[in-house]
């Protein structure tokens, strides 16, 4: 009788341990699925932040990894380090890596900005921009501005924005003046232009522009806005999209379903983005 009671007690302990173990694993898996890690191109972070804030699911924690480039976003998803990779370039079906899916989200235009003390210059032609970048135009007075040396704040050649600028304005073979100050991240350009007298630089359009005292320039008499991007008059724009695994968790898939929803599109339109049709 005692042996039977001991056996029952032992089986009870084993059952409790098994249930506890299973519950612990379930909790761990559920917790792991409640976080969505986002990484990749810094140009798309403001867009993803708008979407994350608008997503009505308080149980989801969004983690933005240190920004890199589009290639970093793609690689991060492939390696399983992040759930969503942000990229600032248009991908075709042939260019989309195997086992990944790509969705374009918005088209955003680049803006040419100057420090607020550059008075009298509101529009530049393609040739004038080329002259600033190659150094043949070095003083603002040659463009109708103040008698002051032009300070060029440029971005690295491997940045998508620089590639877009070359494709539409500079040309592939233009040699940038050696005195140009090069930034590795385009989000550094805004603050640098705002604090550097007589400077000029290019950056993606952003809500942050409203927080700094800078001048926005027209290019070839086309004002940088949604209408001119859509009608083709304003040439320098980029497509921001996301990549994700074809075998994403249900938590990630539900957020992606929200990203392509009408509600999400309206949020982005209110922030002055040009929403891509999916």
Protein backbone atom coordinates (compact mmCIF):
# COMPACT_ATOMS: atom_id res chain seq x y z
CA UNK A 1 0.00 0.00 0.00
CA UNK A 2 2.81 2.37 0.88
CA UNK A 3 4.54 1.50 -2.41
CA UNK A 4 1.37 2.33 -4.33
CA UNK A 5 1.05 5.69 -2.58
CA UNK A 6 4.68 6.54 -3.32
CA UNK A 7 4.18 5.63 -6.98
CA UNK A 8 1.10 7.87 -7.21
CA UNK A 9 3.00 10.74 -5.57
CA UNK A 10 5.92 10.29 -7.95
CA UNK A 11 3.63 10.29 -10.99
CA UNK A 12 1.97 13.46 -9.67
CA UNK A 13 5.30 15.25 -9.35
CA UNK A 14 6.31 14.11 -12.83
CA UNK A 15 3.01 15.35 -14.28
CA UNK A 16 3.37 18.78 -12.63
CA UNK A 17 6.95 19.08 -13.88
CA UNK A 18 5.89 18.13 -17.39
CA UNK A 19 3.00 20.62 -17.43
CA UNK A 20 5.23 23.38 -16.02
CA UNK A 21 7.88 22.63 -18.63
CA UNK A 22 5.37 22.74 -21.48
CA UNK A 23 3.81 25.93 -20.16
CA UNK A 24 7.23 27.53 -19.88
CA UNK A 25 8.10 26.69 -23.49
CA UNK A 26 4.73 27.97 -24.66
CA UNK A 27 5.22 31.24 -22.79
CA UNK A 28 8.67 31.60 -24.29
CA UNK A 29 7.43 31.03 -27.84
CA UNK A 30 4.53 33.45 -27.32
CA UNK A 31 6.87 36.09 -25.90
CA UNK A 32 9.28 35.62 -28.80
CA UNK A 33 6.43 36.16 -31.27
CA UNK A 34 5.29 39.36 -29.56
CA UNK A 35 8.35 41.28 -30.77
CA UNK A 36 8.81 42.48 -34.32
CA UNK A 37 12.37 43.42 -35.20
CA UNK A 38 12.85 45.94 -37.98
CA UNK A 39 16.14 46.79 -39.65
CA UNK A 40 17.70 48.06 -42.87
CA UNK A 41 17.67 51.40 -44.65
CA UNK A 42 17.38 54.43 -42.37
CA UNK A 43 15.31 56.28 -45.02
CA UNK A 44 12.38 54.00 -44.26
CA UNK A 45 12.50 54.19 -40.47
CA UNK A 46 10.21 57.26 -40.18
CA UNK A 47 7.64 55.45 -42.33
CA UNK A 48 7.80 52.28 -40.27
CA UNK A 49 7.54 54.30 -37.06
CA UNK A 50 4.31 55.89 -38.32
CA UNK A 51 2.93 52.44 -39.12
CA UNK A 52 4.05 50.93 -35.81
CA UNK A 53 2.43 53.79 -33.87
CA UNK A 54 -0.81 53.39 -35.82
CA UNK A 55 -0.98 49.62 -35.36
CA UNK A 56 -3.61 48.94 -32.73
CA UNK A 57 -2.02 46.01 -30.95
CA UNK A 58 -0.51 47.00 -27.62
CA UNK A 59 0.88 43.52 -27.03
CA UNK A 60 3.40 43.90 -29.86
CA UNK A 61 6.80 45.39 -29.11
CA UNK A 62 8.56 46.97 -32.10
CA UNK A 63 12.35 46.98 -31.97
CA UNK A 64 14.21 49.14 -34.49
CA UNK A 65 17.70 47.78 -34.94
CA UNK A 66 20.61 50.13 -35.74
CA UNK A 67 20.02 51.31 -39.29
CA UNK A 68 22.23 50.18 -42.14
CA UNK A 69 21.39 50.01 -45.83
CA UNK A 70 18.93 48.17 -48.04
CA UNK A 71 21.36 45.28 -48.40
CA UNK A 72 21.54 45.04 -44.61
CA UNK A 73 17.76 44.78 -44.38
CA UNK A 74 17.67 41.99 -46.94
CA UNK A 75 20.54 40.11 -45.32
CA UNK A 76 19.03 40.51 -41.84
CA UNK A 77 15.79 38.84 -42.92
CA UNK A 78 17.62 36.07 -44.77
CA UNK A 79 19.74 35.35 -41.68
CA UNK A 80 16.72 35.40 -39.37
CA UNK A 81 18.04 38.35 -37.34
CA UNK A 82 15.08 40.63 -38.09
CA UNK A 83 11.46 40.11 -39.10
CA UNK A 84 11.12 42.99 -41.55
CA UNK A 85 13.83 44.56 -43.68
CA UNK A 86 13.38 48.15 -44.86
CA UNK A 87 14.79 48.95 -48.28
CA UNK A 88 14.99 52.21 -50.19
CA UNK A 89 15.06 50.83 -53.70
CA UNK A 90 12.54 49.28 -56.07
CA UNK A 91 12.90 45.50 -56.40
CA UNK A 92 11.63 43.52 -59.35
CA UNK A 93 10.43 39.95 -58.99
CA UNK A 94 13.72 38.75 -60.45
CA UNK A 95 15.71 40.84 -57.94
CA UNK A 96 13.78 39.63 -54.88
CA UNK A 97 15.87 37.01 -53.05
CA UNK A 98 14.56 33.46 -52.86
CA UNK A 99 12.18 32.76 -49.95
CA UNK A 100 11.64 36.50 -49.38
CA UNK A 101 8.68 38.67 -50.32
CA UNK A 102 8.85 42.34 -51.30
CA UNK A 103 6.18 45.03 -50.95
CA UNK A 104 6.66 48.67 -52.08
CA UNK A 105 5.06 51.02 -49.56
CA UNK A 106 5.62 54.65 -50.53
CA UNK A 107 7.42 56.83 -53.02
CA UNK A 108 9.34 59.61 -51.32
CA UNK A 109 11.12 62.50 -53.00
CA UNK A 110 14.55 63.89 -52.20
CA UNK A 111 14.98 67.57 -51.40
CA UNK A 112 17.83 69.96 -52.05
CA UNK A 113 18.26 72.17 -48.98
CA UNK A 114 20.45 75.13 -48.06
CA UNK A 115 21.32 76.87 -44.83
CA UNK A 116 18.85 79.65 -44.01
CA UNK A 117 21.45 82.39 -44.66
CA UNK A 118 21.56 81.51 -48.37
CA UNK A 119 19.22 84.27 -49.54
CA UNK A 120 18.14 84.90 -53.12
CA UNK A 121 18.49 81.30 -54.34
CA UNK A 122 15.25 79.35 -54.63
CA UNK A 123 15.74 77.32 -57.80
CA UNK A 124 18.68 75.51 -59.40
CA UNK A 125 18.98 73.94 -62.83
CA UNK A 126 20.59 70.58 -63.52
CA UNK A 127 23.68 72.35 -64.85
CA UNK A 128 23.97 74.59 -61.80
CA UNK A 129 23.74 71.62 -59.42
CA UNK A 130 26.40 69.84 -61.42
CA UNK A 131 28.56 72.96 -61.18
CA UNK A 132 28.24 73.02 -57.38
CA UNK A 133 29.15 69.35 -57.10
CA UNK A 134 32.15 69.49 -59.44
CA UNK A 135 33.38 72.82 -58.08
CA UNK A 136 33.03 74.96 -61.19
CA UNK A 137 30.46 77.05 -59.27
CA UNK A 138 31.95 77.86 -55.88
CA UNK A 139 30.29 81.11 -54.75
CA UNK A 140 26.63 81.77 -54.07
CA UNK A 141 26.83 85.17 -55.79
CA UNK A 142 27.18 83.32 -59.12
CA UNK A 143 23.69 81.96 -58.51
CA UNK A 144 22.10 85.21 -57.34
CA UNK A 145 22.89 84.65 -53.67
CA UNK A 146 25.27 86.20 -51.13
CA UNK A 147 28.99 86.66 -51.73
CA UNK A 148 30.04 83.53 -49.83
CA UNK A 149 31.76 80.25 -50.57
CA UNK A 150 29.44 77.30 -51.20
CA UNK A 151 29.89 74.52 -48.63
CA UNK A 152 28.86 71.19 -50.16
CA UNK A 153 27.62 68.55 -47.72
CA UNK A 154 27.51 65.32 -49.67
CA UNK A 155 26.59 61.71 -48.91
CA UNK A 156 28.54 58.53 -49.56
CA UNK A 157 28.45 57.02 -53.03
CA UNK A 158 26.93 53.75 -51.81
CA UNK A 159 23.88 55.52 -50.37
CA UNK A 160 20.71 55.10 -52.42
CA UNK A 161 20.10 58.87 -52.42
CA UNK A 162 23.47 59.54 -54.04
CA UNK A 163 22.77 56.93 -56.68
CA UNK A 164 19.42 58.57 -57.43
CA UNK A 165 21.08 61.99 -57.58
CA UNK A 166 23.65 60.67 -60.04
CA UNK A 167 21.06 58.96 -62.19
CA UNK A 168 18.83 62.03 -62.51
CA UNK A 169 21.08 65.07 -62.01
CA UNK A 170 24.83 64.53 -61.69
CA UNK A 171 25.55 61.77 -64.15
CA UNK A 172 27.71 58.75 -63.46
CA UNK A 173 31.08 60.31 -64.36
CA UNK A 174 30.95 63.63 -62.52
CA UNK A 175 33.86 64.03 -60.09
CA UNK A 176 32.69 65.56 -56.83
CA UNK A 177 34.86 68.41 -55.56
CA UNK A 178 37.46 67.25 -53.04
CA UNK A 179 36.40 69.85 -50.45
CA UNK A 180 32.92 68.30 -50.13
CA UNK A 181 32.13 67.06 -46.62
CA UNK A 182 30.93 63.46 -46.87
CA UNK A 183 28.34 61.95 -44.54
CA UNK A 184 27.80 58.21 -44.24
CA UNK A 185 24.17 58.61 -43.18
CA UNK A 186 21.77 60.92 -44.98
CA UNK A 187 19.86 61.69 -41.78
CA UNK A 188 22.94 63.59 -40.58
CA UNK A 189 22.73 66.01 -43.51
CA UNK A 190 19.71 67.94 -42.26
CA UNK A 191 21.24 69.00 -38.97
CA UNK A 192 24.58 69.72 -40.66
CA UNK A 193 23.00 72.02 -43.27
CA UNK A 194 20.97 73.79 -40.58
CA UNK A 195 24.10 74.52 -38.53
CA UNK A 196 26.65 75.16 -41.29
CA UNK A 197 26.48 78.66 -42.85
CA UNK A 198 26.23 78.79 -46.66
CA UNK A 199 25.94 75.01 -46.99
CA UNK A 200 23.87 72.86 -49.34
CA UNK A 201 22.92 69.17 -49.27
CA UNK A 202 20.35 66.62 -50.35
CA UNK A 203 18.18 64.39 -48.17
CA UNK A 204 14.88 62.47 -48.28
CA UNK A 205 11.74 64.49 -47.60
CA UNK A 206 10.83 64.16 -43.94
CA UNK A 207 8.58 65.64 -41.27
CA UNK A 208 11.83 66.64 -39.51
CA UNK A 209 12.36 69.36 -42.11
CA UNK A 210 9.76 71.45 -40.28
CA UNK A 211 11.93 71.44 -37.17
CA UNK A 212 14.98 73.06 -38.79
CA UNK A 213 15.60 76.46 -40.35
CA UNK A 214 16.57 75.46 -43.89
CA UNK A 215 15.54 76.50 -47.40
CA UNK A 216 13.99 73.98 -49.82
CA UNK A 217 14.98 74.55 -53.44
CA UNK A 218 13.11 73.86 -56.65
CA UNK A 219 14.96 71.94 -59.35
CA UNK A 220 14.48 73.03 -62.97
CA UNK A 221 11.55 75.17 -61.74
CA UNK A 222 9.74 72.15 -60.30
CA UNK A 223 8.77 72.49 -56.63
CA UNK A 224 9.46 69.34 -54.59
CA UNK A 225 5.98 68.03 -53.81
CA UNK A 226 3.71 65.05 -54.38
CA UNK A 227 2.02 66.50 -57.46
CA UNK A 228 5.27 67.16 -59.31
CA UNK A 229 6.63 63.72 -58.45
CA UNK A 230 3.48 62.07 -59.74
CA UNK A 231 3.41 64.08 -62.97
CA UNK A 232 7.11 63.49 -63.60
CA UNK A 233 8.27 67.11 -63.37
CA UNK A 234 10.30 66.49 -60.21
CA UNK A 235 12.72 63.69 -60.97
CA UNK A 236 14.57 62.74 -57.79
CA UNK A 237 12.46 60.28 -55.83
CA UNK A 238 12.87 56.83 -54.33
CA UNK A 239 10.65 53.89 -53.48
CA UNK A 240 10.59 52.70 -49.86
CA UNK A 241 9.50 49.12 -49.31
CA UNK A 242 9.91 46.09 -47.08
CA UNK A 243 11.14 42.53 -47.42
CA UNK A 244 10.12 39.68 -45.18
CA UNK A 245 10.34 35.91 -45.04
CA UNK A 246 7.84 33.84 -47.00
CA UNK A 247 7.54 31.83 -43.76
CA UNK A 248 6.98 34.76 -41.37
CA UNK A 249 5.28 34.24 -38.02
CA UNK A 250 1.58 35.01 -37.75
CA UNK A 251 2.42 38.09 -35.67
CA UNK A 252 4.59 39.52 -38.46
CA UNK A 253 2.05 38.59 -41.13
CA UNK A 254 -0.73 40.38 -39.25
CA UNK A 255 1.34 43.57 -39.09
CA UNK A 256 2.13 43.31 -42.80
CA UNK A 257 -1.60 42.92 -43.50
CA UNK A 258 -2.07 46.21 -41.64
CA UNK A 259 0.71 47.89 -43.64
CA UNK A 260 -1.17 47.29 -46.90
CA UNK A 261 -4.55 48.25 -45.42
CA UNK A 262 -6.47 51.40 -46.32
CA UNK A 263 -6.09 52.69 -42.76
CA UNK A 264 -2.30 52.51 -42.97
CA UNK A 265 -2.26 54.18 -46.38
CA UNK A 266 -4.32 57.08 -45.06
CA UNK A 267 -1.87 57.55 -42.18
CA UNK A 268 1.04 57.76 -44.63
CA UNK A 269 -0.80 60.13 -46.95
CA UNK A 270 -1.41 62.46 -44.01
CA UNK A 271 2.36 62.48 -43.47
CA UNK A 272 2.78 63.67 -47.09
CA UNK A 273 4.03 60.38 -48.52
CA UNK A 274 3.01 59.10 -51.94
CA UNK A 275 1.49 55.69 -51.25
CA UNK A 276 2.29 52.91 -53.69
CA UNK A 277 -0.59 50.82 -55.05
CA UNK A 278 -0.22 47.16 -54.00
